[in-house]
Amino acid sequence: MDDRTANNCLTPPTRDPDLRPVEGKEADEELATLAKAIGHSARVQILRLLAHRTACVCGDIVDELPLAQSTVSQHLKVLKEAGLIRGEVDGPRVCYCIEPRGLRRLKVLVAGL
């Protein structure tokens, strides 16, 4: 893994408050999208795994779960599209890590219920 990729996942989260509303149609739709993304136990496991590491290569995630590589890749895609993780190409591999702003937003929206 080159320094550029490693640094991207090690970038500290910003402390800027997320001032978007936690109620209303847009917030409800955002929460529904995020809830759908974590609506599978394998995706929750992936989030927990990434939360305990500063960076993770897809192969490492596959080694931790009793799922095929293609299934793990699909789950990673869902989490990335929802903004809960980010992935950076590192040659033939992709390095995944938590997207702190996405996870904070999920927490705020759930707390607003």
Protein backbone atom coordinates (compact mmCIF):
# COMPACT_ATOMS: atom_id res chain seq x y z
CA MET A 1 0.00 0.00 0.00
CA ASP A 2 1.47 3.37 -0.90
CA ASP A 3 1.52 6.35 1.47
CA ARG A 4 -1.23 8.15 -0.45
CA THR A 5 -3.71 5.33 0.18
CA ALA A 6 -2.64 4.78 3.77
CA ASN A 7 -2.93 8.50 4.51
CA ASN A 8 -6.43 8.70 3.04
CA CYS A 9 -7.77 6.20 5.56
CA LEU A 10 -5.75 7.75 8.37
CA THR A 11 -7.04 11.26 7.74
CA PRO A 12 -8.64 12.35 11.02
CA PRO A 13 -12.34 13.04 10.85
CA THR A 14 -13.36 16.65 10.73
CA ARG A 15 -14.94 18.02 13.87
CA ASP A 16 -17.29 20.28 11.95
CA PRO A 17 -20.86 19.80 13.12
CA ASP A 18 -23.34 18.39 10.65
CA LEU A 19 -26.04 21.03 10.67
CA ARG A 20 -28.39 19.30 8.25
CA PRO A 21 -31.87 18.66 9.68
CA VAL A 22 -32.59 15.39 11.46
CA GLU A 23 -36.31 15.62 10.79
CA GLY A 24 -38.32 16.05 7.62
CA LYS A 25 -38.68 14.18 4.37
CA GLU A 26 -35.02 14.47 3.28
CA ALA A 27 -33.73 13.34 6.67
CA ASP A 28 -36.21 10.44 6.71
CA GLU A 29 -35.07 9.33 3.27
CA GLU A 30 -31.42 9.64 4.28
CA LEU A 31 -32.03 7.56 7.41
CA ALA A 32 -33.90 4.93 5.39
CA THR A 33 -30.99 4.69 2.94
CA LEU A 34 -28.45 4.32 5.74
CA ALA A 35 -30.64 1.84 7.62
CA LYS A 36 -30.99 -0.26 4.47
CA ALA A 37 -27.20 -0.24 4.10
CA ILE A 38 -26.74 -1.66 7.60
CA GLY A 39 -29.78 -3.92 7.27
CA HIS A 40 -27.67 -7.03 6.71
CA SER A 41 -25.61 -8.65 9.45
CA ALA A 42 -22.61 -9.09 7.15
CA ARG A 43 -22.51 -5.33 6.51
CA VAL A 44 -22.69 -4.67 10.25
CA GLN A 45 -19.77 -7.10 10.71
CA ILE A 46 -17.80 -5.27 8.02
CA LEU A 47 -18.43 -1.91 9.72
CA ARG A 48 -17.30 -3.33 13.07
CA LEU A 49 -14.21 -4.80 11.48
CA LEU A 50 -13.27 -1.54 9.78
CA ALA A 51 -14.02 0.49 12.91
CA HIS A 52 -11.26 -1.42 14.72
CA ARG A 53 -8.66 -0.86 11.99
CA THR A 54 -7.20 2.21 10.35
CA ALA A 55 -7.21 0.55 6.91
CA CYS A 56 -8.25 -2.78 5.48
CA VAL A 57 -7.74 -4.51 2.17
CA CYS A 58 -10.68 -6.41 0.70
CA GLY A 59 -8.84 -9.72 1.03
CA ASP A 60 -8.48 -9.16 4.77
CA ILE A 61 -12.21 -8.64 5.09
CA VAL A 62 -12.91 -11.81 3.12
CA ASP A 63 -10.62 -13.74 5.49
CA GLU A 64 -12.68 -12.52 8.47
CA LEU A 65 -16.11 -13.46 7.13
CA PRO A 66 -17.55 -16.82 6.07
CA LEU A 67 -18.59 -15.37 2.70
CA ALA A 68 -17.35 -15.56 -0.87
CA GLN A 69 -15.20 -12.71 -2.12
CA SER A 70 -17.88 -11.65 -4.59
CA THR A 71 -20.48 -11.47 -1.80
CA VAL A 72 -18.16 -9.38 0.38
CA SER A 73 -17.50 -7.08 -2.58
CA GLN A 74 -21.25 -6.56 -3.05
CA HIS A 75 -21.69 -5.70 0.63
CA LEU A 76 -18.74 -3.27 0.43
CA LYS A 77 -20.36 -1.63 -2.60
CA VAL A 78 -23.62 -1.07 -0.70
CA LEU A 79 -21.79 0.44 2.29
CA LYS A 80 -19.69 2.67 0.04
CA GLU A 81 -22.71 3.91 -1.95
CA ALA A 82 -24.41 4.80 1.34
CA GLY A 83 -21.36 6.82 2.39
CA LEU A 84 -20.50 4.69 5.42
CA ILE A 85 -17.12 3.54 4.12
CA ARG A 86 -14.63 4.70 1.54
CA GLY A 87 -12.39 2.66 -0.71
CA GLU A 88 -9.21 3.67 -2.43
CA VAL A 89 -7.62 1.75 -5.28
CA ASP A 90 -4.13 0.57 -4.43
CA GLY A 91 -2.85 -1.22 -7.52
CA PRO A 92 -4.83 -4.45 -7.89
CA ARG A 93 -6.39 -4.05 -4.42
CA VAL A 94 -8.86 -1.69 -2.82
CA CYS A 95 -8.21 -0.38 0.68
CA TYR A 96 -11.41 0.20 2.68
CA CYS A 97 -11.96 2.24 5.84
CA ILE A 98 -14.81 3.85 7.77
CA GLU A 99 -16.13 7.17 6.47
CA PRO A 100 -16.39 9.07 9.77
CA ARG A 101 -18.87 11.71 8.52
CA GLY A 102 -21.24 9.02 7.23
CA LEU A 103 -21.14 7.08 10.47
CA ARG A 104 -21.66 10.24 12.53
CA ARG A 105 -24.64 11.17 10.33
CA LEU A 106 -26.20 7.75 10.90
CA LYS A 107 -25.81 8.17 14.66
CA VAL A 108 -27.36 11.65 14.59
CA LEU A 109 -30.32 10.54 12.50
CA VAL A 110 -31.01 7.53 14.73
CA ALA A 111 -30.71 9.69 17.85
CA GLY A 112 -33.29 12.05 16.31
CA LEU A 113 -35.99 9.37 16.23
